[in-house]
C-alpha cells in the first residue's frame, strides 16, 4: 500500500479548494473576456471581477472600492510601502518596521534606506511580540509609515495590531499591516484594527497563486507602482488576472462559511502535536508566543539536530514541513526571525515549522509522531555534539 502523505506546510501555501478550481475553470471557459472591454464578453468578465471584489471586501469587512487586486502579498506590501513614501514627495521620509517581518517588507525597507529614506527596524521580545510603546517612541515628525505584520509567518506570533494602529492614528501616521497569515485564517474586522493599508494573499486561503489584494482605506493616498492603464483605480495597471481574481473571491466565500468553525479545529490539531512532541521527545523548545499566536502554526527547535536534516527525513516519509519561510527557501544560514527573538545560531538551525490547515486530520498527527521521534533519535546519535 502506498504511503499516505501528510502536508503540514500550509503557511507556505495551501491546496486550492475544489470549488475554487471549478470556479476558475468556468471563467476560463466562459467569462474569459477583458474586463475593460465594453462589449458583452468584456462586461461579463467585469461583473465576475466585481463580484469577487465584493467577496474579498466582505471577508475583510470593508467597502469593495477599498480593495485593489495585485499579483499577491509581496506586490501588495511593495505598493503599500513605496506608494506611501513616494506620495510624501520628500516631506516625510521615515518608515518604521520590525526585525521579524517577512522579506517582502524588510527587503523593501532596505531598498528605501539605500535610496534616501530613513528607517527604524524595531527589536521584538523573546516571544516575537512587539510592545506598542516601542512603536510610539520610534515615531518622528518625519514618519510617513508604520508597517508591521499581523501574524508572523514563521512563529505564528500575533502583534497587537489594534493598539499599534491606535498609536499610529493618534500620531497621524499611515499604518500598514501585512495580514497574509491572518486574512481568512483568524476572524477580524478591518474596522477594529485602526489600519490604513492591509496586504492579503489568495494562495494562503485555498485560492490560486499569483493573486492577492491591498486594502486601501478611503482617503489614503498612494503613488502607483505601474503605469499604462487605468485599472484598479490607477493603482495597479494592466489587464486583470480574471481567473485568479475569481478564484480568490471564491476562496474568500468559503472562508466566510468556515471562519467560526475552522480555527478551533485547526488549533486542536496543532495543540495536540505540540503536546505529544514535548511529552515524547526530550530537549525540544517551542518558539514564539504560546498565548498570542495563529491557530495553525507550531515552530519547534530540536536540540542536537539540523532542521534541514529533519525536514529531509520527514520528506522521505511523505511528511511535508518547513524550516522557515518558503520565500527564503534555498538560502543558507538561520532564519532571521528566530535570530531576532534571541535564539542562538545552533538552536535556530535546529528548528522546524509545522503549519496546519483545513484539510488536515487527526491521523496526520499520528503519522508525524510515528516517524518524527525515530528521526530525531537517529540524528542525535549521529551528531558530534
Protein backbone atom coordinates (compact mmCIF):
# COMPACT_ATOMS: atom_id res chain seq x y z
CA UNK A 1 0.00 0.00 0.00
CA UNK A 2 1.43 3.42 -0.94
CA UNK A 3 2.48 5.68 1.93
CA UNK A 4 -0.09 8.36 2.84
CA UNK A 5 1.42 11.82 2.57
CA UNK A 6 0.93 14.43 5.29
CA UNK A 7 1.04 18.10 4.28
CA UNK A 8 1.91 20.39 7.20
CA UNK A 9 3.25 23.40 5.32
CA UNK A 10 0.05 25.43 4.97
CA UNK A 11 1.81 28.65 5.98
CA UNK A 12 3.83 28.32 2.76
CA UNK A 13 0.83 27.60 0.55
CA UNK A 14 -2.48 25.77 0.71
CA UNK A 15 -4.14 23.23 -1.54
CA UNK A 16 -6.66 25.05 -3.77
CA UNK A 17 -10.21 24.17 -2.75
CA UNK A 18 -12.09 22.06 -5.35
CA UNK A 19 -14.77 24.77 -5.51
CA UNK A 20 -12.07 27.33 -6.34
CA UNK A 21 -10.65 25.19 -9.14
CA UNK A 22 -14.17 24.72 -10.56
CA UNK A 23 -14.90 28.47 -10.47
CA UNK A 24 -11.64 29.27 -12.27
CA UNK A 25 -12.25 26.60 -14.90
CA UNK A 26 -15.70 28.06 -15.57
CA UNK A 27 -14.23 31.53 -16.02
CA UNK A 28 -11.52 30.31 -18.36
CA UNK A 29 -14.12 28.57 -20.48
CA UNK A 30 -16.99 31.07 -20.33
CA UNK A 31 -16.11 34.52 -18.94
CA UNK A 32 -12.69 34.92 -20.48
CA UNK A 33 -13.17 38.46 -21.80
CA UNK A 34 -11.15 41.55 -20.97
CA UNK A 35 -12.96 43.38 -18.12
CA UNK A 36 -12.04 46.72 -19.69
CA UNK A 37 -13.90 45.94 -22.92
CA UNK A 38 -17.36 47.47 -23.22
CA UNK A 39 -18.93 44.69 -25.27
CA UNK A 40 -20.91 41.85 -23.70
CA UNK A 41 -17.99 39.43 -23.34
CA UNK A 42 -15.99 42.09 -21.51
CA UNK A 43 -18.96 43.16 -19.40
CA UNK A 44 -19.48 39.59 -18.17
CA UNK A 45 -15.83 39.43 -17.09
CA UNK A 46 -16.21 42.78 -15.32
CA UNK A 47 -19.27 41.51 -13.46
CA UNK A 48 -17.35 38.48 -12.20
CA UNK A 49 -14.35 40.59 -11.13
CA UNK A 50 -16.58 42.94 -9.16
CA UNK A 51 -18.38 40.01 -7.55
CA UNK A 52 -15.01 38.71 -6.40
CA UNK A 53 -14.06 42.15 -5.10
CA UNK A 54 -17.24 42.12 -3.03
CA UNK A 55 -16.35 38.71 -1.57
CA UNK A 56 -12.87 39.91 -0.54
CA UNK A 57 -14.37 43.07 0.98
CA UNK A 58 -16.97 41.07 2.89
CA UNK A 59 -14.32 38.86 4.48
CA UNK A 60 -12.26 41.93 5.40
CA UNK A 61 -15.36 43.94 6.45
CA UNK A 62 -14.69 46.95 4.23
CA UNK A 63 -16.07 48.65 1.11
CA UNK A 64 -15.45 46.90 -2.24
CA UNK A 65 -13.94 50.08 -3.67
CA UNK A 66 -11.22 49.88 -1.00
CA UNK A 67 -9.89 46.62 -2.46
CA UNK A 68 -7.07 46.79 -5.05
CA UNK A 69 -6.17 43.48 -6.69
CA UNK A 70 -2.46 42.65 -7.01
CA UNK A 71 -0.33 39.66 -8.01
CA UNK A 72 -0.02 38.61 -4.36
CA UNK A 73 1.08 39.66 -0.89
CA UNK A 74 4.57 40.75 -1.93
CA UNK A 75 3.29 43.20 -4.53
CA UNK A 76 0.69 44.47 -2.06
CA UNK A 77 3.45 45.10 0.51
CA UNK A 78 5.58 46.94 -2.05
CA UNK A 79 2.65 49.05 -3.23
CA UNK A 80 1.82 49.98 0.35
CA UNK A 81 5.33 50.95 1.43
CA UNK A 82 6.65 52.59 -1.73
CA UNK A 83 3.27 54.07 -2.60
CA UNK A 84 3.07 55.92 0.71
CA UNK A 85 6.70 57.06 0.83
CA UNK A 86 6.70 58.33 -2.75
CA UNK A 87 3.37 60.07 -2.18
CA UNK A 88 5.07 62.16 0.53
CA UNK A 89 7.26 63.81 -2.14
CA UNK A 90 10.19 64.16 0.24
CA UNK A 91 8.27 65.83 3.07
CA UNK A 92 8.03 62.68 5.20
CA UNK A 93 10.85 60.24 4.69
CA UNK A 94 10.80 57.89 7.69
CA UNK A 95 9.37 54.36 7.91
CA UNK A 96 9.11 52.04 10.95
CA UNK A 97 9.03 48.25 10.86
CA UNK A 98 10.26 45.27 12.92
CA UNK A 99 13.16 42.83 12.66
CA UNK A 100 10.85 39.80 12.33
CA UNK A 101 8.96 40.99 9.25
CA UNK A 102 8.63 38.99 6.05
CA UNK A 103 11.32 39.73 3.45
CA UNK A 104 8.66 41.38 1.28
CA UNK A 105 8.71 44.13 3.92
CA UNK A 106 12.32 44.05 5.09
CA UNK A 107 13.87 43.97 1.63
CA UNK A 108 11.63 46.84 0.52
CA UNK A 109 12.55 48.87 3.60
CA UNK A 110 16.25 48.19 2.99
CA UNK A 111 15.78 49.41 -0.60
CA UNK A 112 14.21 52.57 0.79
CA UNK A 113 17.16 53.00 3.15
CA UNK A 114 19.56 52.79 0.21
CA UNK A 115 17.54 55.36 -1.72
CA UNK A 116 17.37 58.29 0.64
CA UNK A 117 14.70 57.28 3.15
CA UNK A 118 15.19 56.90 6.90
CA UNK A 119 14.24 53.62 8.54
CA UNK A 120 13.76 52.26 12.05
CA UNK A 121 13.75 48.48 12.48
CA UNK A 122 12.45 47.66 15.94
CA UNK A 123 13.51 44.70 18.06
CA UNK A 124 10.91 42.29 19.43
CA UNK A 125 10.62 40.38 22.70
CA UNK A 126 11.74 36.75 23.04
CA UNK A 127 8.19 35.61 22.19
CA UNK A 128 8.27 37.60 18.95
CA UNK A 129 5.81 40.28 20.06
CA UNK A 130 6.35 43.99 19.69
CA UNK A 131 5.49 46.39 22.52
CA UNK A 132 3.23 49.16 21.15
CA UNK A 133 5.03 51.65 23.41
CA UNK A 134 8.23 50.97 21.45
CA UNK A 135 6.41 51.92 18.26
CA UNK A 136 5.25 55.13 19.88
CA UNK A 137 8.82 56.02 20.93
CA UNK A 138 10.09 55.43 17.40
CA UNK A 139 7.69 57.88 15.74
CA UNK A 140 9.35 61.07 14.48
CA UNK A 141 7.88 64.22 12.89
CA UNK A 142 9.12 62.83 9.55
CA UNK A 143 7.49 59.41 9.99
CA UNK A 144 5.33 58.63 6.97
CA UNK A 145 4.53 54.96 7.56
CA UNK A 146 4.48 52.16 10.11
CA UNK A 147 4.44 48.65 8.58
CA UNK A 148 4.04 45.63 10.88
CA UNK A 149 2.75 42.16 10.13
CA UNK A 150 -0.41 40.86 11.80
CA UNK A 151 0.72 37.22 12.20
CA UNK A 152 4.34 36.17 11.87
CA UNK A 153 4.69 33.60 9.12
CA UNK A 154 7.37 31.55 10.92
CA UNK A 155 6.28 31.73 14.56
CA UNK A 156 2.56 32.37 14.29
CA UNK A 157 3.00 35.18 16.84
CA UNK A 158 0.26 37.83 16.70
CA UNK A 159 1.08 41.51 17.25
CA UNK A 160 -1.42 43.80 18.98
CA UNK A 161 -2.30 45.44 15.68
CA UNK A 162 -5.32 47.33 17.01
CA UNK A 163 -3.27 49.03 19.74
CA UNK A 164 -0.37 49.80 17.42
CA UNK A 165 -2.92 51.20 14.97
CA UNK A 166 -4.31 53.44 17.68
CA UNK A 167 -0.79 54.75 18.36
CA UNK A 168 -0.28 55.43 14.65
CA UNK A 169 -3.64 57.14 14.30
CA UNK A 170 -3.00 59.45 17.26
CA UNK A 171 0.32 60.43 15.67
CA UNK A 172 -1.24 60.95 12.23
CA UNK A 173 0.98 58.25 10.67
CA UNK A 174 -0.24 55.88 7.95
CA UNK A 175 -0.33 52.29 9.24
CA UNK A 176 0.09 49.20 7.06
CA UNK A 177 -0.19 45.59 8.17
CA UNK A 178 0.83 42.52 6.20
CA UNK A 179 -2.12 40.27 7.07
CA UNK A 180 -1.22 37.45 4.69
CA UNK A 181 -1.12 34.93 7.57
CA UNK A 182 -4.25 36.33 9.24
CA UNK A 183 -6.75 37.14 6.48
CA UNK A 184 -9.27 34.33 6.14
CA UNK A 185 -7.46 32.34 8.84
CA UNK A 186 -8.45 34.12 12.05
CA UNK A 187 -11.61 36.24 12.46
CA UNK A 188 -11.09 40.01 12.50
CA UNK A 189 -12.71 43.14 11.16
CA UNK A 190 -10.55 45.77 9.49
CA UNK A 191 -12.70 48.40 11.21
CA UNK A 192 -11.35 47.26 14.59
CA UNK A 193 -7.67 47.41 13.65
CA UNK A 194 -7.12 51.16 13.10
CA UNK A 195 -5.27 50.38 9.86
CA UNK A 196 -5.00 52.27 6.58
CA UNK A 197 -3.49 49.52 4.41
CA UNK A 198 -3.77 45.71 4.61
CA UNK A 199 -1.97 43.15 2.41
CA UNK A 200 -3.67 39.84 1.55
CA UNK A 201 -2.83 36.75 -0.48
CA UNK A 202 -5.05 34.19 -2.17
CA UNK A 203 -2.88 31.09 -2.02
CA UNK A 204 -2.75 31.12 1.79
CA UNK A 205 -6.53 30.61 1.97
CA UNK A 206 -7.04 27.75 -0.53
CA UNK A 207 -7.12 30.01 -3.58
CA UNK A 208 -4.77 30.24 -6.58
CA UNK A 209 -1.24 31.63 -6.58
CA UNK A 210 -0.41 34.84 -8.39
CA UNK A 211 -3.22 36.96 -6.96
CA UNK A 212 -3.75 39.00 -3.81
CA UNK A 213 -5.04 42.37 -2.75
CA UNK A 214 -4.27 45.55 -0.89
CA UNK A 215 -6.93 47.21 1.24
CA UNK A 216 -6.61 50.97 0.84
CA UNK A 217 -8.73 52.83 3.37
CA UNK A 218 -10.77 55.59 1.77
CA UNK A 219 -8.73 58.78 1.82
CA UNK A 220 -5.32 57.06 1.96
CA UNK A 221 -3.12 58.39 -0.82
CA UNK A 222 -0.69 56.18 -2.73
CA UNK A 223 1.57 56.58 -5.73
CA UNK A 224 1.09 53.77 -8.28
CA UNK A 225 3.93 51.34 -8.92
CA UNK A 226 2.93 50.57 -12.52
CA UNK A 227 1.80 52.80 -15.38
CA UNK A 228 -0.01 52.16 -18.63
CA UNK A 229 -3.70 51.87 -17.86
CA UNK A 230 -6.49 52.87 -15.51
CA UNK A 231 -7.23 49.50 -13.91
CA UNK A 232 -7.66 49.18 -10.13
CA UNK A 233 -8.22 52.91 -9.61
CA UNK A 234 -4.97 53.63 -11.50
CA UNK A 235 -3.02 51.95 -8.66
CA UNK A 236 -2.33 48.62 -10.37
CA UNK A 237 -2.46 48.95 -14.13
CA UNK A 238 -2.61 46.10 -16.62
CA UNK A 239 -5.31 43.65 -17.63
CA UNK A 240 -6.71 41.94 -14.57
CA UNK A 241 -5.98 38.29 -13.81
CA UNK A 242 -9.65 37.38 -14.16
CA UNK A 243 -9.48 33.63 -13.35
CA UNK A 244 -7.16 34.28 -10.42
CA UNK A 245 -9.37 37.05 -9.05
CA UNK A 246 -12.49 34.89 -9.36
CA UNK A 247 -10.68 32.03 -7.61
CA UNK A 248 -9.58 34.41 -4.85
CA UNK A 249 -13.13 35.67 -4.43
CA UNK A 250 -14.47 32.14 -4.24
CA UNK A 251 -11.83 31.22 -1.65
CA UNK A 252 -12.98 34.21 0.43
CA UNK A 253 -16.58 32.98 0.23
CA UNK A 254 -15.53 29.56 1.52
CA UNK A 255 -13.52 31.14 4.34
CA UNK A 256 -16.53 33.19 5.41
CA UNK A 257 -18.55 29.99 5.74
CA UNK A 258 -15.85 28.36 7.89
CA UNK A 259 -14.41 31.31 9.82
CA UNK A 260 -16.01 30.31 13.12
CA UNK A 261 -15.52 26.54 12.90
CA UNK A 262 -12.16 26.14 11.14
CA UNK A 263 -9.75 27.91 13.55
CA UNK A 264 -10.71 25.86 16.65
CA UNK A 265 -10.45 22.58 14.69
CA UNK A 266 -7.06 23.56 13.27
CA UNK A 267 -5.80 24.73 16.67
CA UNK A 268 -6.84 21.45 18.29
CA UNK A 269 -4.58 19.55 15.86
CA UNK A 270 -1.71 21.97 16.38
CA UNK A 271 -2.02 21.78 20.18
CA UNK A 272 -2.15 18.01 20.12
CA UNK A 273 1.02 17.77 18.04
CA UNK A 274 2.77 20.25 20.32
CA UNK A 275 1.76 18.30 23.43
CA UNK A 276 2.86 14.96 22.01
CA UNK A 277 6.21 16.30 20.76
CA UNK A 278 7.02 17.82 24.16
CA UNK A 279 5.94 14.69 26.03
CA UNK A 280 7.73 12.23 23.71
CA UNK A 281 10.95 13.95 22.60
CA UNK A 282 13.47 15.43 25.04
CA UNK A 283 15.22 18.79 24.59
CA UNK A 284 12.57 20.42 22.42
CA UNK A 285 11.55 24.06 22.78
CA UNK A 286 8.58 25.90 21.26
CA UNK A 287 9.46 29.21 19.60
CA UNK A 288 7.29 32.31 19.70
CA UNK A 289 4.35 33.24 21.87
CA UNK A 290 2.24 30.36 23.11
CA UNK A 291 -0.55 32.71 24.14
CA UNK A 292 -0.77 35.16 21.23
CA UNK A 293 -0.43 33.06 18.09
CA UNK A 294 -2.20 31.85 14.99
CA UNK A 295 -4.14 28.59 15.42
CA UNK A 296 -2.22 26.62 12.81
CA UNK A 297 1.50 27.36 13.30
CA UNK A 298 3.93 25.46 15.54
CA UNK A 299 7.65 26.25 15.46
CA UNK A 300 9.93 23.93 17.45
CA UNK A 301 13.69 23.60 17.97
CA UNK A 302 15.11 20.08 18.37
CA UNK A 303 18.42 20.33 20.21
CA UNK A 304 21.19 18.28 18.62
CA UNK A 305 19.54 18.10 15.18
CA UNK A 306 19.85 20.08 11.98
CA UNK A 307 16.48 21.41 10.87
CA UNK A 308 17.21 20.63 7.23
CA UNK A 309 18.16 17.04 8.10
CA UNK A 310 14.88 16.68 10.00
CA UNK A 311 12.99 18.12 7.04
CA UNK A 312 14.65 15.70 4.60
CA UNK A 313 13.99 12.76 6.90
CA UNK A 314 10.31 13.65 7.18
CA UNK A 315 10.10 14.32 3.44
CA UNK A 316 11.37 10.82 2.71
CA UNK A 317 8.46 9.52 4.79
CA UNK A 318 5.92 11.66 2.91
CA UNK A 319 5.58 14.31 5.63
CA UNK A 320 5.99 17.85 4.36
CA UNK A 321 7.01 20.64 6.74
CA UNK A 322 9.31 23.67 6.60
CA UNK A 323 12.40 25.08 8.26
CA UNK A 324 11.01 28.61 7.94
CA UNK A 325 9.58 30.95 5.35
CA UNK A 326 9.06 29.46 1.89
CA UNK A 327 10.26 32.78 0.45
CA UNK A 328 13.77 32.12 1.76
CA UNK A 329 13.96 28.51 0.56
CA UNK A 330 17.41 27.71 -0.81
CA UNK A 331 19.12 30.38 1.27
CA UNK A 332 21.85 29.49 3.72
CA UNK A 333 22.04 30.39 7.39
CA UNK A 334 19.45 30.52 10.13
CA UNK A 335 16.07 32.19 9.97
CA UNK A 336 16.31 35.93 10.58
CA UNK A 337 13.08 35.65 12.60
CA UNK A 338 14.49 33.06 15.01
CA UNK A 339 17.71 35.02 15.39
CA UNK A 340 15.71 38.19 16.06
CA UNK A 341 13.94 36.57 19.03
CA UNK A 342 17.31 35.76 20.56
CA UNK A 343 17.90 32.13 19.59
CA UNK A 344 21.49 31.01 19.16
CA UNK A 345 22.61 30.02 15.69
CA UNK A 346 22.67 26.36 16.74
CA UNK A 347 19.12 26.39 18.13
CA UNK A 348 17.75 28.44 15.23
CA UNK A 349 19.18 25.94 12.75
CA UNK A 350 17.57 23.08 14.67
CA UNK A 351 14.04 24.33 14.05
CA UNK A 352 11.02 23.13 12.12
CA UNK A 353 7.71 24.82 11.35
CA UNK A 354 4.57 22.69 11.25
CA UNK A 355 1.57 24.57 9.84
CA UNK A 356 -1.92 23.06 9.79
CA UNK A 357 -4.83 23.84 7.51
CA UNK A 358 -8.38 22.98 6.56
CA UNK A 359 -7.63 19.57 5.10
CA UNK A 360 -5.54 18.16 7.95
CA UNK A 361 -6.95 15.31 10.03
CA UNK A 362 -6.11 13.73 13.43
CA UNK A 363 -4.36 10.84 11.69
CA UNK A 364 -1.83 13.35 10.33
CA UNK A 365 -0.63 13.95 13.89
CA UNK A 366 -0.48 10.19 14.45
CA UNK A 367 1.70 9.78 11.38
CA UNK A 368 4.11 12.56 12.42
CA UNK A 369 4.51 11.07 15.88
CA UNK A 370 5.10 7.65 14.38
CA UNK A 371 8.03 8.96 12.36
CA UNK A 372 9.48 12.11 14.00
CA UNK A 373 10.86 10.63 17.27
CA UNK A 374 12.78 7.98 15.32
CA UNK A 375 14.34 10.59 13.02
CA UNK A 376 15.31 12.83 15.94
CA UNK A 377 16.86 9.86 17.79
CA UNK A 378 18.83 8.80 14.71
CA UNK A 379 20.15 12.32 14.02
CA UNK A 380 21.17 12.84 17.64
CA UNK A 381 23.10 9.58 17.66
CA UNK A 382 24.96 10.76 14.54
CA UNK A 383 25.64 14.25 15.92
CA UNK A 384 29.19 15.01 17.04
CA UNK A 385 27.79 17.34 19.74
